[in-house]
């Protein structure tokens, strides 16, 4: 199910599409954005016009003052139709043809869909937590540069992944929203997560279609209590040969906004309601979900003896690069069917088609576990980024028939660990600095984190987990930071350096050594200067009494101390060295100690 949602994450805003003759394009763009639709006719002329409609086709009429819809009649622009500030009413079929031919319009036209971003709240498989996802209701056409998340209407962070990177609990009251970089004004309506228990979760939407369709306005807010688990109960009906299926939840739902939807072999049906009646010979497996929270769906159940059913333990898995992961399936089959073999295959999606590859066992990377009845496990070891894909399970029967299940499998996302520093990697002493051990998706297993400073583990702090907070930051906190997950200590992030600036300059681990070397050079320079002054004051004959010499030596050391202290007060900011004095510096110091 989540794979279908992942397909809804490619956002298109201002699109230039090349029509394909005889084949309609279906595009999905964001409400409030603009779209450019080029004429799909092979040889458009001035006789062509733009038409819109589904059952009936009507020509679009243009006026000079029109700002919402613009049409360029020039051949150079390929007779482009531009629609600005898209609304739901603009969703329709569009075609560039010479006559109002409905069949031609649907064959060679463009099916335009308009949607809004929505923050989806998905319960975690374990613990009283949820995760968030920035999604849309149809597969938007162009991948965004980045997703931007907001907390309490303030910028939170930016990332390429549509998943909010950490699990949320109800301990902190906050609102969340998301947008796409460059289109921050087209944010999703705000969402806040209320109480989270083992059986229920409460979600408040600021506005949008997640609320009941019975509301008078989509701008009204609403709060909905969702169950964390759904299951189907089978009971005999009053009529012979009929089975009653009831969609039960883990949470006692009193909300009038809740409605249930039903699926046959994971495909939506027109049936809605808490209970449905089916014939005992129903060949397909059935399941149910709460409308608006389809990610939480019941397991497939069979009514007849000729039914096949398949359930994946997890529909989405997020794992670290270099780690291992188990992808599990549970299945049932008719008693008369003999199972010959079972296997998994990998589906990679690109711009044109799905690339499917069967997985064979490999001791270094791929293992099958078939030790449990009606359960099969695919184990992937030493994960690589290229392992991110969809994985599906298939069964081959005794008569060589391959049983494939026509619904999404398990989506695996392989991520690396990254250290992010806020507000930046260069800060001033006394600031509050937050270090985050970031991933591109919320890790499936509940995790604890380890932090390292200059490759040494940090003593755990009260506020250390996914986030390491330095408040206030000091010069001793400067250095190279990395992080790891406790269950995979050997897999750590790349190091990232934190530079802490003091009032007098920048402090890094190398600053102390540089300061010491500079101090030695300054002292040597002062000695050279005093010695030169003494030499210039001597008589040409070089005659001087021993007592006078001793007095000058004492005076010299006093001058060194005084001059050094004076220079210290000025932080040595005015010292300059000339290249031709380097040799004199050391040659004049040596006789001083010989006296």
Foldseek 3Di string as FASTA:
>chain_A
DVVQQVLQQFEDAEDEDAWDQQAEAEAEHEAQGKYKYAANDPDDALLKFKWWDAPFIDTDDDDPPDDQWDWDSDVVRNRIIMGGRHDQVPFTWMHTGNDRDNVNSVRGTYGYGYWAWAWAWACFPDDQWIWIFTGIDHRHDHQFPWKWKDKQNHTDDIGSFRIDWAIDAQPDWIWMWMDGPPPVVRIHFIKTWHHTDPFKTKIKTCFADLFAPPDPDRNHIDMAIFTNAWAWDWDDDPDPQKIKIFIDGSDDGPDPRKKKWKDWLNHTDPDIHRMDMDGLQPATWMKMGIPSRVVRIYATDHRYLQHKGKDWPAQEAEEEQQAKDKTKMAIDHHPVWAFDDKFKWWWDDDDPDIDIDTDDDDPAFWDWDPPDPRMIMIMGGNHDQVSFTWMFMWTQTPVRDIDGRPDTHHGYGYWAWDWDKPPHLEEEQQCKIKIAGGISHHHSDDWWKWKDFPNHTDDDDPPDTRIDIPGRDHLVSWGWMKMDTPVCVVGIYDIDTRWYAYPVGIRHPCPVVVVVVVLVVVLLVLLLVLLVVVVVPADPVNDDDPVVVVVSLVVSVVSSVVVSVVCVVVVVPPDDDDPVCPVVSVVSNVVSVVD
